[in-house]
N, C-alpha and C. Protein backbone atom coordinates (compact mmCIF):
# COMPACT_ATOMS: atom_id res chain seq x y z
N MET A 1 72.42 -24.05 76.39
CA MET A 1 72.86 -23.57 77.70
C MET A 1 72.56 -24.60 78.77
N VAL A 2 73.42 -24.68 79.77
CA VAL A 2 73.31 -25.73 80.78
C VAL A 2 71.96 -25.70 81.46
N MET A 3 71.50 -24.56 81.90
CA MET A 3 70.29 -24.51 82.71
C MET A 3 69.04 -24.88 81.91
N ARG A 4 69.09 -24.77 80.60
CA ARG A 4 67.94 -25.16 79.80
C ARG A 4 67.73 -26.66 79.79
N PHE A 5 68.78 -27.42 80.12
CA PHE A 5 68.67 -28.86 80.11
C PHE A 5 67.83 -29.37 81.28
N PHE A 6 67.75 -28.59 82.34
CA PHE A 6 67.18 -29.11 83.59
C PHE A 6 65.73 -28.71 83.73
N THR A 7 64.89 -29.69 84.00
CA THR A 7 63.45 -29.42 84.14
C THR A 7 63.00 -29.52 85.58
N GLY A 8 63.95 -29.68 86.52
CA GLY A 8 63.59 -29.74 87.93
C GLY A 8 63.37 -28.35 88.50
N SER A 9 63.40 -28.26 89.82
CA SER A 9 63.08 -27.00 90.48
C SER A 9 64.22 -26.00 90.31
N GLY A 10 63.85 -24.72 90.34
CA GLY A 10 64.86 -23.68 90.25
C GLY A 10 65.84 -23.72 91.40
N ASP A 11 65.38 -24.16 92.58
CA ASP A 11 66.27 -24.25 93.73
C ASP A 11 67.39 -25.25 93.48
N GLN A 12 67.08 -26.37 92.85
CA GLN A 12 68.10 -27.37 92.56
C GLN A 12 69.12 -26.83 91.56
N VAL A 13 68.64 -26.14 90.55
CA VAL A 13 69.53 -25.55 89.55
C VAL A 13 70.47 -24.55 90.22
N ARG A 14 69.91 -23.68 91.03
CA ARG A 14 70.72 -22.64 91.67
C ARG A 14 71.73 -23.24 92.64
N GLU A 15 71.32 -24.27 93.36
CA GLU A 15 72.21 -24.90 94.32
C GLU A 15 73.47 -25.44 93.64
N LEU A 16 73.28 -26.17 92.55
CA LEU A 16 74.43 -26.74 91.86
C LEU A 16 75.23 -25.67 91.13
N SER A 17 74.56 -24.69 90.56
CA SER A 17 75.27 -23.59 89.91
C SER A 17 76.14 -22.83 90.90
N ASP A 18 75.61 -22.59 92.10
CA ASP A 18 76.38 -21.90 93.14
C ASP A 18 77.59 -22.72 93.55
N GLU A 19 77.43 -24.04 93.60
CA GLU A 19 78.55 -24.88 94.02
C GLU A 19 79.65 -24.89 92.95
N VAL A 20 79.24 -24.93 91.68
CA VAL A 20 80.23 -24.84 90.60
C VAL A 20 80.97 -23.51 90.68
N GLN A 21 80.23 -22.43 90.91
CA GLN A 21 80.85 -21.12 91.02
C GLN A 21 81.82 -21.09 92.20
N SER A 22 81.44 -21.69 93.31
CA SER A 22 82.33 -21.73 94.48
C SER A 22 83.60 -22.51 94.19
N MET A 23 83.49 -23.58 93.40
CA MET A 23 84.69 -24.33 93.01
C MET A 23 85.64 -23.45 92.22
N LEU A 24 85.10 -22.64 91.31
CA LEU A 24 85.95 -21.76 90.51
C LEU A 24 86.59 -20.67 91.37
N VAL A 25 85.85 -20.13 92.32
CA VAL A 25 86.42 -19.14 93.24
C VAL A 25 87.58 -19.76 94.03
N ALA A 26 87.40 -21.00 94.48
CA ALA A 26 88.46 -21.68 95.21
C ALA A 26 89.66 -21.93 94.31
N CYS A 27 89.42 -22.27 93.05
CA CYS A 27 90.52 -22.47 92.10
C CYS A 27 91.32 -21.18 91.91
N ARG A 28 90.62 -20.06 91.86
CA ARG A 28 91.35 -18.79 91.71
C ARG A 28 92.23 -18.55 92.92
N HIS A 29 91.72 -18.89 94.09
CA HIS A 29 92.51 -18.71 95.31
C HIS A 29 93.78 -19.57 95.27
N THR A 30 93.64 -20.83 94.88
CA THR A 30 94.82 -21.70 94.83
C THR A 30 95.77 -21.28 93.72
N PHE A 31 95.22 -20.86 92.59
CA PHE A 31 96.08 -20.41 91.48
C PHE A 31 96.89 -19.19 91.89
N ASP A 32 96.22 -18.19 92.47
CA ASP A 32 96.92 -16.97 92.87
C ASP A 32 98.03 -17.27 93.88
N ALA A 33 97.70 -18.08 94.87
CA ALA A 33 98.70 -18.40 95.89
C ALA A 33 99.87 -19.17 95.31
N ALA A 34 99.57 -20.12 94.42
CA ALA A 34 100.62 -20.96 93.85
C ALA A 34 101.55 -20.17 92.94
N ILE A 35 100.98 -19.38 92.05
CA ILE A 35 101.84 -18.69 91.10
C ILE A 35 102.61 -17.55 91.78
N ASN A 36 102.05 -16.99 92.83
CA ASN A 36 102.80 -15.96 93.55
C ASN A 36 103.99 -16.55 94.30
N ALA A 37 103.94 -17.83 94.59
CA ALA A 37 105.10 -18.49 95.19
C ALA A 37 106.22 -18.68 94.18
N VAL A 38 105.87 -18.60 92.88
CA VAL A 38 106.87 -18.76 91.81
C VAL A 38 107.36 -17.41 91.30
N ILE A 39 106.44 -16.46 91.12
CA ILE A 39 106.83 -15.20 90.48
C ILE A 39 106.56 -13.97 91.33
N GLY A 40 105.96 -14.15 92.51
CA GLY A 40 105.59 -12.99 93.32
C GLY A 40 106.35 -12.85 94.60
N GLY A 41 107.30 -13.73 94.85
CA GLY A 41 108.12 -13.63 96.05
C GLY A 41 107.49 -14.20 97.31
N THR A 42 106.35 -14.88 97.19
CA THR A 42 105.69 -15.48 98.35
C THR A 42 106.46 -16.71 98.82
N ASP A 43 106.58 -16.88 100.11
CA ASP A 43 107.23 -18.07 100.67
C ASP A 43 106.37 -19.29 100.37
N PRO A 44 106.87 -20.24 99.60
CA PRO A 44 106.04 -21.41 99.24
C PRO A 44 105.58 -22.21 100.45
N GLN A 45 106.40 -22.26 101.49
CA GLN A 45 106.01 -23.04 102.67
C GLN A 45 104.89 -22.36 103.45
N ALA A 46 104.76 -21.06 103.28
CA ALA A 46 103.70 -20.33 103.98
C ALA A 46 102.33 -20.58 103.35
N VAL A 47 102.31 -20.85 102.03
CA VAL A 47 101.03 -21.00 101.35
C VAL A 47 100.71 -22.45 100.99
N GLY A 48 101.70 -23.34 101.06
CA GLY A 48 101.48 -24.73 100.67
C GLY A 48 100.34 -25.41 101.40
N PRO A 49 100.27 -25.33 102.73
CA PRO A 49 99.16 -26.00 103.44
C PRO A 49 97.79 -25.48 103.03
N GLU A 50 97.67 -24.17 102.83
CA GLU A 50 96.38 -23.61 102.43
C GLU A 50 96.00 -24.05 101.02
N ILE A 51 96.98 -24.13 100.13
CA ILE A 51 96.71 -24.59 98.77
C ILE A 51 96.17 -26.02 98.80
N ARG A 52 96.83 -26.88 99.56
CA ARG A 52 96.39 -28.28 99.63
C ARG A 52 95.02 -28.40 100.29
N LYS A 53 94.79 -27.61 101.35
CA LYS A 53 93.48 -27.64 102.02
C LYS A 53 92.37 -27.19 101.08
N THR A 54 92.62 -26.11 100.35
CA THR A 54 91.60 -25.61 99.43
C THR A 54 91.35 -26.59 98.30
N ASP A 55 92.42 -27.22 97.82
CA ASP A 55 92.25 -28.20 96.74
C ASP A 55 91.44 -29.40 97.21
N ARG A 56 91.64 -29.82 98.47
CA ARG A 56 90.82 -30.92 99.00
C ARG A 56 89.35 -30.52 99.03
N GLY A 57 89.09 -29.25 99.33
CA GLY A 57 87.71 -28.77 99.31
C GLY A 57 87.12 -28.80 97.91
N ILE A 58 87.93 -28.45 96.91
CA ILE A 58 87.48 -28.52 95.51
C ILE A 58 87.12 -29.96 95.15
N ASN A 59 87.97 -30.89 95.56
CA ASN A 59 87.71 -32.31 95.26
C ASN A 59 86.43 -32.79 95.95
N ARG A 60 86.22 -32.34 97.19
CA ARG A 60 84.99 -32.74 97.88
C ARG A 60 83.76 -32.17 97.18
N SER A 61 83.86 -30.94 96.68
CA SER A 61 82.74 -30.34 95.97
C SER A 61 82.43 -31.12 94.70
N GLU A 62 83.47 -31.53 93.99
CA GLU A 62 83.25 -32.32 92.78
C GLU A 62 82.49 -33.60 93.11
N ARG A 63 82.92 -34.30 94.14
CA ARG A 63 82.25 -35.55 94.51
C ARG A 63 80.82 -35.30 94.96
N ARG A 64 80.61 -34.20 95.69
CA ARG A 64 79.26 -33.88 96.18
C ARG A 64 78.32 -33.59 95.01
N ILE A 65 78.79 -32.81 94.05
CA ILE A 65 77.97 -32.50 92.88
C ILE A 65 77.65 -33.77 92.10
N ARG A 66 78.65 -34.63 91.94
CA ARG A 66 78.42 -35.87 91.19
C ARG A 66 77.40 -36.77 91.90
N ARG A 67 77.46 -36.82 93.22
CA ARG A 67 76.48 -37.62 93.95
C ARG A 67 75.07 -37.08 93.72
N LYS A 68 74.92 -35.76 93.75
CA LYS A 68 73.61 -35.16 93.54
C LYS A 68 73.10 -35.45 92.12
N LEU A 69 74.01 -35.42 91.16
CA LEU A 69 73.62 -35.71 89.78
C LEU A 69 73.19 -37.16 89.63
N LEU A 70 73.91 -38.06 90.31
CA LEU A 70 73.54 -39.47 90.24
C LEU A 70 72.17 -39.72 90.87
N VAL A 71 71.91 -39.03 91.98
CA VAL A 71 70.59 -39.15 92.61
C VAL A 71 69.51 -38.66 91.66
N HIS A 72 69.78 -37.53 91.01
CA HIS A 72 68.82 -36.99 90.04
C HIS A 72 68.54 -38.01 88.94
N ALA A 73 69.63 -38.60 88.39
CA ALA A 73 69.47 -39.54 87.28
C ALA A 73 68.75 -40.81 87.72
N SER A 74 69.05 -41.29 88.93
CA SER A 74 68.46 -42.56 89.37
C SER A 74 67.01 -42.40 89.82
N THR A 75 66.67 -41.27 90.41
CA THR A 75 65.31 -41.10 90.92
C THR A 75 64.32 -40.68 89.84
N ARG A 76 64.79 -40.01 88.82
CA ARG A 76 63.88 -39.55 87.77
C ARG A 76 63.77 -40.53 86.60
N GLY A 77 64.70 -41.51 86.56
CA GLY A 77 64.60 -42.54 85.54
C GLY A 77 64.61 -41.98 84.14
N ALA A 78 63.62 -42.39 83.35
CA ALA A 78 63.56 -41.95 81.94
C ALA A 78 63.34 -40.46 81.81
N ASP A 79 62.87 -39.82 82.89
CA ASP A 79 62.63 -38.37 82.84
C ASP A 79 63.86 -37.57 83.27
N ALA A 80 64.95 -38.25 83.57
CA ALA A 80 66.16 -37.54 84.02
C ALA A 80 66.72 -36.68 82.91
N ASP A 81 67.28 -35.54 83.30
CA ASP A 81 67.88 -34.62 82.34
C ASP A 81 69.32 -35.06 82.08
N ILE A 82 69.49 -36.05 81.21
CA ILE A 82 70.80 -36.65 81.01
C ILE A 82 71.80 -35.66 80.44
N SER A 83 71.36 -34.79 79.55
CA SER A 83 72.28 -33.79 78.99
C SER A 83 72.84 -32.89 80.08
N TRP A 84 71.96 -32.46 80.97
CA TRP A 84 72.37 -31.61 82.08
C TRP A 84 73.36 -32.33 82.98
N VAL A 85 73.08 -33.62 83.25
CA VAL A 85 73.98 -34.42 84.08
C VAL A 85 75.35 -34.53 83.43
N MET A 86 75.38 -34.81 82.13
CA MET A 86 76.65 -34.97 81.42
C MET A 86 77.46 -33.67 81.42
N VAL A 87 76.77 -32.56 81.20
CA VAL A 87 77.47 -31.28 81.16
C VAL A 87 78.11 -30.96 82.51
N LEU A 88 77.35 -31.11 83.59
CA LEU A 88 77.90 -30.76 84.89
C LEU A 88 78.97 -31.75 85.34
N MET A 89 78.84 -33.01 84.97
CA MET A 89 79.90 -33.98 85.25
C MET A 89 81.21 -33.52 84.59
N SER A 90 81.11 -33.10 83.34
CA SER A 90 82.29 -32.68 82.60
C SER A 90 82.87 -31.38 83.16
N VAL A 91 81.99 -30.43 83.45
CA VAL A 91 82.44 -29.12 83.96
C VAL A 91 83.17 -29.27 85.29
N THR A 92 82.62 -30.07 86.20
CA THR A 92 83.27 -30.22 87.50
C THR A 92 84.63 -30.89 87.37
N LYS A 93 84.78 -31.79 86.41
CA LYS A 93 86.09 -32.42 86.20
C LYS A 93 87.09 -31.40 85.69
N ASP A 94 86.67 -30.53 84.78
CA ASP A 94 87.57 -29.48 84.29
C ASP A 94 88.03 -28.58 85.43
N ILE A 95 87.09 -28.21 86.29
CA ILE A 95 87.44 -27.32 87.40
C ILE A 95 88.40 -28.01 88.36
N GLU A 96 88.14 -29.29 88.64
CA GLU A 96 89.04 -30.04 89.52
C GLU A 96 90.45 -30.08 88.95
N ARG A 97 90.57 -30.19 87.63
CA ARG A 97 91.89 -30.23 87.00
C ARG A 97 92.61 -28.88 87.13
N ILE A 98 91.87 -27.78 87.14
CA ILE A 98 92.50 -26.48 87.35
C ILE A 98 93.18 -26.44 88.71
N GLY A 99 92.50 -26.97 89.72
CA GLY A 99 93.12 -27.05 91.04
C GLY A 99 94.37 -27.89 91.04
N ASP A 100 94.37 -28.98 90.27
CA ASP A 100 95.56 -29.83 90.19
C ASP A 100 96.73 -29.08 89.54
N TYR A 101 96.44 -28.31 88.49
CA TYR A 101 97.53 -27.57 87.85
C TYR A 101 98.05 -26.46 88.75
N ALA A 102 97.19 -25.90 89.57
CA ALA A 102 97.68 -24.92 90.55
C ALA A 102 98.67 -25.57 91.50
N LYS A 103 98.39 -26.79 91.92
CA LYS A 103 99.35 -27.51 92.76
C LYS A 103 100.64 -27.79 92.01
N ASN A 104 100.56 -28.11 90.72
CA ASN A 104 101.77 -28.32 89.93
C ASN A 104 102.62 -27.06 89.88
N ILE A 105 101.95 -25.91 89.77
CA ILE A 105 102.68 -24.64 89.76
C ILE A 105 103.37 -24.42 91.11
N TRP A 106 102.63 -24.69 92.19
CA TRP A 106 103.25 -24.54 93.51
C TRP A 106 104.44 -25.49 93.66
N ASP A 107 104.37 -26.69 93.10
CA ASP A 107 105.48 -27.64 93.17
C ASP A 107 106.77 -27.02 92.66
N LEU A 108 106.67 -26.19 91.61
CA LEU A 108 107.88 -25.55 91.09
C LEU A 108 108.56 -24.72 92.18
N SER A 109 107.76 -23.98 92.93
CA SER A 109 108.34 -23.17 94.00
C SER A 109 108.93 -24.05 95.10
N ASP A 110 108.27 -25.18 95.35
CA ASP A 110 108.76 -26.10 96.36
C ASP A 110 110.10 -26.73 95.93
N TYR A 111 110.33 -26.81 94.62
CA TYR A 111 111.60 -27.30 94.10
C TYR A 111 112.69 -26.24 94.16
N GLY A 112 112.32 -25.03 94.56
CA GLY A 112 113.29 -23.96 94.67
C GLY A 112 113.23 -22.92 93.57
N VAL A 113 112.25 -23.01 92.69
CA VAL A 113 112.13 -22.04 91.59
C VAL A 113 111.57 -20.73 92.13
N ASP A 114 112.28 -19.65 91.86
CA ASP A 114 111.84 -18.30 92.24
C ASP A 114 112.20 -17.37 91.09
N LEU A 115 111.18 -16.97 90.32
CA LEU A 115 111.40 -16.13 89.15
C LEU A 115 111.03 -14.67 89.42
N SER A 116 110.78 -14.35 90.67
CA SER A 116 110.22 -13.03 90.99
C SER A 116 111.15 -11.88 90.66
N GLY A 117 112.45 -12.13 90.63
CA GLY A 117 113.38 -11.04 90.33
C GLY A 117 114.04 -11.16 88.99
N ASP A 118 113.56 -12.06 88.13
CA ASP A 118 114.20 -12.29 86.84
C ASP A 118 113.74 -11.28 85.80
N ASP A 119 114.42 -11.30 84.64
CA ASP A 119 114.19 -10.27 83.64
C ASP A 119 112.82 -10.36 82.97
N ASP A 120 112.17 -11.50 83.06
CA ASP A 120 110.85 -11.66 82.46
C ASP A 120 109.73 -11.69 83.51
N ALA A 121 110.04 -11.25 84.71
CA ALA A 121 109.05 -11.34 85.79
C ALA A 121 107.79 -10.52 85.50
N ASP A 122 107.96 -9.34 84.91
CA ASP A 122 106.78 -8.53 84.61
C ASP A 122 105.89 -9.21 83.58
N HIS A 123 106.51 -9.86 82.60
CA HIS A 123 105.74 -10.58 81.59
C HIS A 123 104.97 -11.73 82.22
N LEU A 124 105.62 -12.46 83.11
CA LEU A 124 104.97 -13.57 83.79
C LEU A 124 103.83 -13.06 84.68
N ARG A 125 104.04 -11.94 85.33
CA ARG A 125 102.99 -11.39 86.19
C ARG A 125 101.79 -10.93 85.35
N PHE A 126 102.06 -10.47 84.14
CA PHE A 126 100.95 -10.12 83.23
C PHE A 126 100.07 -11.35 82.99
N HIS A 127 100.70 -12.49 82.70
CA HIS A 127 99.93 -13.71 82.47
C HIS A 127 99.24 -14.18 83.75
N ARG A 128 99.90 -14.00 84.90
CA ARG A 128 99.25 -14.32 86.17
C ARG A 128 97.93 -13.57 86.30
N ASP A 129 97.98 -12.26 86.08
CA ASP A 129 96.78 -11.43 86.22
C ASP A 129 95.74 -11.77 85.17
N GLU A 130 96.21 -12.06 83.96
CA GLU A 130 95.31 -12.42 82.87
C GLU A 130 94.51 -13.67 83.20
N ILE A 131 95.19 -14.70 83.70
CA ILE A 131 94.51 -15.97 83.96
C ILE A 131 93.69 -15.89 85.24
N SER A 132 94.18 -15.20 86.25
CA SER A 132 93.40 -15.02 87.46
C SER A 132 92.08 -14.32 87.14
N GLY A 133 92.15 -13.30 86.28
CA GLY A 133 90.93 -12.61 85.86
C GLY A 133 90.02 -13.50 85.05
N LEU A 134 90.63 -14.38 84.23
CA LEU A 134 89.83 -15.29 83.42
C LEU A 134 89.07 -16.30 84.29
N ILE A 135 89.70 -16.75 85.37
CA ILE A 135 89.00 -17.66 86.29
C ILE A 135 87.79 -16.95 86.90
N ALA A 136 88.01 -15.69 87.34
CA ALA A 136 86.90 -14.93 87.93
C ALA A 136 85.79 -14.70 86.91
N ASP A 137 86.17 -14.36 85.67
CA ASP A 137 85.16 -14.15 84.62
C ASP A 137 84.38 -15.43 84.34
N THR A 138 85.08 -16.56 84.32
CA THR A 138 84.42 -17.83 84.04
C THR A 138 83.40 -18.15 85.12
N ALA A 139 83.75 -17.89 86.38
CA ALA A 139 82.81 -18.13 87.47
C ALA A 139 81.54 -17.29 87.29
N ARG A 140 81.72 -16.03 86.96
CA ARG A 140 80.55 -15.16 86.78
C ARG A 140 79.74 -15.57 85.56
N ILE A 141 80.43 -15.85 84.45
CA ILE A 141 79.75 -16.18 83.21
C ILE A 141 78.96 -17.47 83.36
N PHE A 142 79.54 -18.46 84.05
CA PHE A 142 78.82 -19.71 84.25
C PHE A 142 77.59 -19.48 85.12
N ALA A 143 77.73 -18.72 86.18
CA ALA A 143 76.60 -18.47 87.08
C ALA A 143 75.47 -17.74 86.36
N GLU A 144 75.83 -16.82 85.47
CA GLU A 144 74.82 -16.04 84.76
C GLU A 144 74.42 -16.65 83.42
N GLN A 145 75.14 -17.72 83.02
CA GLN A 145 74.92 -18.33 81.70
C GLN A 145 74.95 -17.25 80.61
N ASP A 146 76.02 -16.46 80.66
CA ASP A 146 76.19 -15.32 79.75
C ASP A 146 76.82 -15.83 78.45
N ALA A 147 75.98 -16.24 77.51
CA ALA A 147 76.48 -16.84 76.27
C ALA A 147 77.27 -15.85 75.43
N ASP A 148 76.86 -14.60 75.41
CA ASP A 148 77.58 -13.60 74.59
C ASP A 148 79.00 -13.43 75.08
N ARG A 149 79.18 -13.29 76.38
CA ARG A 149 80.52 -13.11 76.94
C ARG A 149 81.34 -14.39 76.79
N ALA A 150 80.69 -15.55 76.92
CA ALA A 150 81.41 -16.81 76.72
C ALA A 150 81.95 -16.90 75.30
N HIS A 151 81.13 -16.57 74.31
CA HIS A 151 81.59 -16.57 72.92
C HIS A 151 82.78 -15.63 72.74
N GLU A 152 82.70 -14.47 73.36
CA GLU A 152 83.75 -13.47 73.22
C GLU A 152 85.09 -14.00 73.72
N ILE A 153 85.08 -14.63 74.89
CA ILE A 153 86.32 -15.17 75.45
C ILE A 153 86.82 -16.36 74.64
N LEU A 154 85.91 -17.22 74.22
CA LEU A 154 86.30 -18.40 73.45
C LEU A 154 86.98 -18.01 72.14
N GLN A 155 86.54 -16.92 71.54
CA GLN A 155 87.13 -16.50 70.28
C GLN A 155 88.61 -16.13 70.43
N GLY A 156 88.99 -15.64 71.61
CA GLY A 156 90.38 -15.28 71.84
C GLY A 156 91.18 -16.30 72.62
N GLY A 157 90.51 -17.37 73.03
CA GLY A 157 91.17 -18.36 73.89
C GLY A 157 92.33 -19.06 73.23
N ASP A 158 92.20 -19.38 71.96
CA ASP A 158 93.29 -20.06 71.27
C ASP A 158 94.52 -19.18 71.14
N ASP A 159 94.32 -17.88 71.03
CA ASP A 159 95.47 -16.96 70.94
C ASP A 159 96.32 -17.03 72.20
N ILE A 160 95.67 -17.13 73.35
CA ILE A 160 96.42 -17.23 74.61
C ILE A 160 97.20 -18.53 74.64
N GLN A 161 96.56 -19.62 74.26
CA GLN A 161 97.25 -20.91 74.26
C GLN A 161 98.39 -20.93 73.26
N ASP A 162 98.17 -20.32 72.09
CA ASP A 162 99.23 -20.27 71.08
C ASP A 162 100.45 -19.52 71.59
N GLU A 163 100.22 -18.45 72.34
CA GLU A 163 101.35 -17.71 72.88
C GLU A 163 102.16 -18.57 73.85
N PHE A 164 101.49 -19.33 74.68
CA PHE A 164 102.20 -20.21 75.61
C PHE A 164 103.00 -21.27 74.85
N ASP A 165 102.42 -21.81 73.78
CA ASP A 165 103.15 -22.78 72.95
C ASP A 165 104.40 -22.15 72.34
N GLU A 166 104.28 -20.91 71.90
CA GLU A 166 105.44 -20.23 71.31
C GLU A 166 106.55 -20.07 72.34
N HIS A 167 106.19 -19.74 73.56
CA HIS A 167 107.20 -19.61 74.61
C HIS A 167 107.90 -20.95 74.85
N VAL A 168 107.12 -22.03 74.89
CA VAL A 168 107.71 -23.34 75.11
C VAL A 168 108.65 -23.70 73.96
N ASN A 169 108.25 -23.43 72.73
CA ASN A 169 109.10 -23.72 71.58
C ASN A 169 110.41 -22.94 71.64
N GLU A 170 110.33 -21.69 72.05
CA GLU A 170 111.54 -20.88 72.19
C GLU A 170 112.46 -21.45 73.26
N LEU A 171 111.88 -21.89 74.35
CA LEU A 171 112.69 -22.42 75.45
C LEU A 171 113.33 -23.76 75.08
N VAL A 172 112.65 -24.54 74.27
CA VAL A 172 113.24 -25.81 73.83
C VAL A 172 114.51 -25.57 73.03
N GLY A 173 114.52 -24.50 72.26
CA GLY A 173 115.68 -24.22 71.42
C GLY A 173 116.68 -23.24 71.99
N THR A 174 116.48 -22.80 73.22
CA THR A 174 117.37 -21.78 73.79
C THR A 174 118.73 -22.34 74.16
N ASP A 175 119.72 -21.45 74.15
CA ASP A 175 121.07 -21.83 74.59
C ASP A 175 121.25 -21.56 76.08
N ARG A 176 120.24 -21.02 76.73
CA ARG A 176 120.35 -20.72 78.15
C ARG A 176 120.28 -22.02 78.95
N PRO A 177 120.79 -22.02 80.16
CA PRO A 177 120.88 -23.27 80.93
C PRO A 177 119.52 -23.85 81.28
N ALA A 178 119.53 -25.14 81.61
CA ALA A 178 118.29 -25.84 81.96
C ALA A 178 117.62 -25.19 83.16
N SER A 179 118.39 -24.64 84.09
CA SER A 179 117.82 -24.00 85.27
C SER A 179 116.96 -22.80 84.91
N TYR A 180 117.21 -22.22 83.72
CA TYR A 180 116.39 -21.12 83.21
C TYR A 180 115.21 -21.66 82.40
N ALA A 181 115.49 -22.59 81.48
CA ALA A 181 114.49 -23.01 80.51
C ALA A 181 113.44 -23.95 81.08
N VAL A 182 113.86 -24.93 81.88
CA VAL A 182 112.93 -25.98 82.31
C VAL A 182 111.78 -25.44 83.16
N PRO A 183 112.05 -24.63 84.20
CA PRO A 183 110.92 -24.15 85.00
C PRO A 183 109.94 -23.30 84.21
N ARG A 184 110.47 -22.50 83.28
CA ARG A 184 109.60 -21.66 82.48
C ARG A 184 108.76 -22.50 81.51
N ALA A 185 109.38 -23.48 80.89
CA ALA A 185 108.63 -24.34 79.98
C ALA A 185 107.51 -25.06 80.72
N LEU A 186 107.80 -25.56 81.91
CA LEU A 186 106.76 -26.22 82.71
C LEU A 186 105.67 -25.24 83.10
N LEU A 187 106.07 -24.05 83.53
CA LEU A 187 105.08 -23.06 83.95
C LEU A 187 104.16 -22.70 82.81
N TYR A 188 104.73 -22.43 81.62
CA TYR A 188 103.89 -22.08 80.48
C TYR A 188 102.97 -23.24 80.10
N ARG A 189 103.45 -24.45 80.22
CA ARG A 189 102.62 -25.61 79.93
C ARG A 189 101.46 -25.70 80.92
N TYR A 190 101.73 -25.48 82.20
CA TYR A 190 100.66 -25.52 83.19
C TYR A 190 99.64 -24.40 82.95
N LEU A 191 100.13 -23.21 82.61
CA LEU A 191 99.23 -22.10 82.34
C LEU A 191 98.33 -22.41 81.14
N LYS A 192 98.92 -23.01 80.12
CA LYS A 192 98.11 -23.38 78.95
C LYS A 192 97.01 -24.35 79.34
N ARG A 193 97.31 -25.32 80.18
CA ARG A 193 96.30 -26.31 80.57
C ARG A 193 95.20 -25.66 81.42
N VAL A 194 95.56 -24.73 82.29
CA VAL A 194 94.54 -24.01 83.06
C VAL A 194 93.58 -23.30 82.11
N VAL A 195 94.14 -22.60 81.12
CA VAL A 195 93.30 -21.89 80.16
C VAL A 195 92.41 -22.86 79.39
N ALA A 196 92.97 -24.00 78.97
CA ALA A 196 92.18 -24.98 78.22
C ALA A 196 90.98 -25.46 79.02
N HIS A 197 91.18 -25.74 80.30
CA HIS A 197 90.07 -26.21 81.13
C HIS A 197 89.04 -25.10 81.37
N LEU A 198 89.48 -23.87 81.49
CA LEU A 198 88.53 -22.76 81.60
C LEU A 198 87.70 -22.63 80.33
N LEU A 199 88.35 -22.78 79.18
CA LEU A 199 87.62 -22.70 77.91
C LEU A 199 86.61 -23.84 77.80
N ASN A 200 86.96 -25.02 78.31
CA ASN A 200 86.00 -26.12 78.32
C ASN A 200 84.76 -25.76 79.14
N VAL A 201 84.98 -25.14 80.30
CA VAL A 201 83.84 -24.73 81.13
C VAL A 201 82.96 -23.74 80.36
N LEU A 202 83.59 -22.76 79.73
CA LEU A 202 82.83 -21.77 78.98
C LEU A 202 82.13 -22.39 77.78
N SER A 203 82.78 -23.36 77.14
CA SER A 203 82.15 -23.99 75.97
C SER A 203 80.89 -24.75 76.34
N SER A 204 80.78 -25.18 77.60
CA SER A 204 79.58 -25.90 78.02
C SER A 204 78.34 -25.02 77.96
N ILE A 205 78.54 -23.71 77.95
CA ILE A 205 77.43 -22.78 77.91
C ILE A 205 76.89 -22.62 76.49
N VAL A 206 77.76 -22.77 75.50
CA VAL A 206 77.37 -22.42 74.13
C VAL A 206 77.46 -23.57 73.14
N MET A 207 78.04 -24.70 73.53
CA MET A 207 78.20 -25.81 72.60
C MET A 207 77.30 -26.98 72.98
N PRO A 208 76.94 -27.82 72.01
CA PRO A 208 76.12 -29.00 72.32
C PRO A 208 76.92 -30.01 73.14
N VAL A 209 76.21 -30.95 73.75
CA VAL A 209 76.83 -31.89 74.67
C VAL A 209 77.92 -32.72 73.99
N ASP A 210 77.73 -33.07 72.73
CA ASP A 210 78.71 -33.92 72.05
C ASP A 210 80.02 -33.19 71.78
N ARG A 211 80.07 -31.87 72.03
CA ARG A 211 81.30 -31.11 71.82
C ARG A 211 82.01 -30.79 73.14
N LEU A 212 81.62 -31.44 74.22
CA LEU A 212 82.28 -31.22 75.50
C LEU A 212 83.76 -31.55 75.38
N ASP A 213 84.59 -30.85 76.15
CA ASP A 213 86.05 -31.04 76.15
C ASP A 213 86.68 -30.67 74.82
N TYR A 214 86.02 -29.81 74.08
CA TYR A 214 86.50 -29.38 72.75
C TYR A 214 87.91 -28.80 72.84
N TYR A 215 88.19 -28.03 73.89
CA TYR A 215 89.46 -27.33 73.97
C TYR A 215 90.58 -28.17 74.57
N ASP A 216 90.29 -29.45 74.87
CA ASP A 216 91.35 -30.37 75.23
C ASP A 216 92.16 -30.82 74.03
N GLU A 217 91.60 -30.62 72.84
CA GLU A 217 92.29 -31.00 71.62
C GLU A 217 93.03 -29.81 71.03
N ALA A 218 94.18 -30.09 70.42
CA ALA A 218 94.88 -29.05 69.67
C ALA A 218 94.02 -28.60 68.50
N LYS A 219 94.21 -27.36 68.05
CA LYS A 219 93.39 -26.84 66.98
C LYS A 219 93.40 -27.75 65.75
N ALA A 220 94.58 -28.28 65.44
CA ALA A 220 94.71 -29.12 64.24
C ALA A 220 93.92 -30.43 64.36
N ASP A 221 93.61 -30.83 65.58
CA ASP A 221 92.92 -32.10 65.79
C ASP A 221 91.43 -31.96 66.02
N ARG A 222 90.92 -30.73 66.02
CA ARG A 222 89.49 -30.52 66.21
C ARG A 222 88.75 -30.69 64.89
N ASP A 223 87.51 -31.16 64.98
CA ASP A 223 86.70 -31.23 63.77
C ASP A 223 85.32 -30.64 64.02
């Protein structure tokens, strides 16, 4: 578990844990706003500035956490908690990437994609709610270092990603026009990547340091 790696003060642990949790909360905000511009009927121009502003805040948090970790490593020397530093460096990068994929989703709406009234809108909204809830769960689980709940979600994480792959495969072979298939294929791909990065964050709680970014690999390529 991440917090076991750190031998410094509890205040330092809590400070960085709170900042990681805040990054995830901000990611949920950008994700919800972005995907609602694609499938929820939200005006993309109304939410675009807030999405970009929030994402800049996520990026600043990542840099701030990394600076604190570097100070920890440089001031403690041989006594530095290198495993803890490596884990949080990796986790913050995963969270920053979630914000980037939220912007990619918003880009679809900026290109004119609006799926809110289409025949699969309810299905897409189901996935919206599923992933939004997963971001919130990840924030809580990381803050509490809830290994049991992390294991539970990780066990089903590949099933979610597999479903998104199946949708993409179907769209590649569809006879429907590109205006139907392309935005959906991109959206499912972005959703899959959001889930993969969330699973990486959760894996940091239960896996050793050498297994970081485990869920960036396809199942067939993992060892």
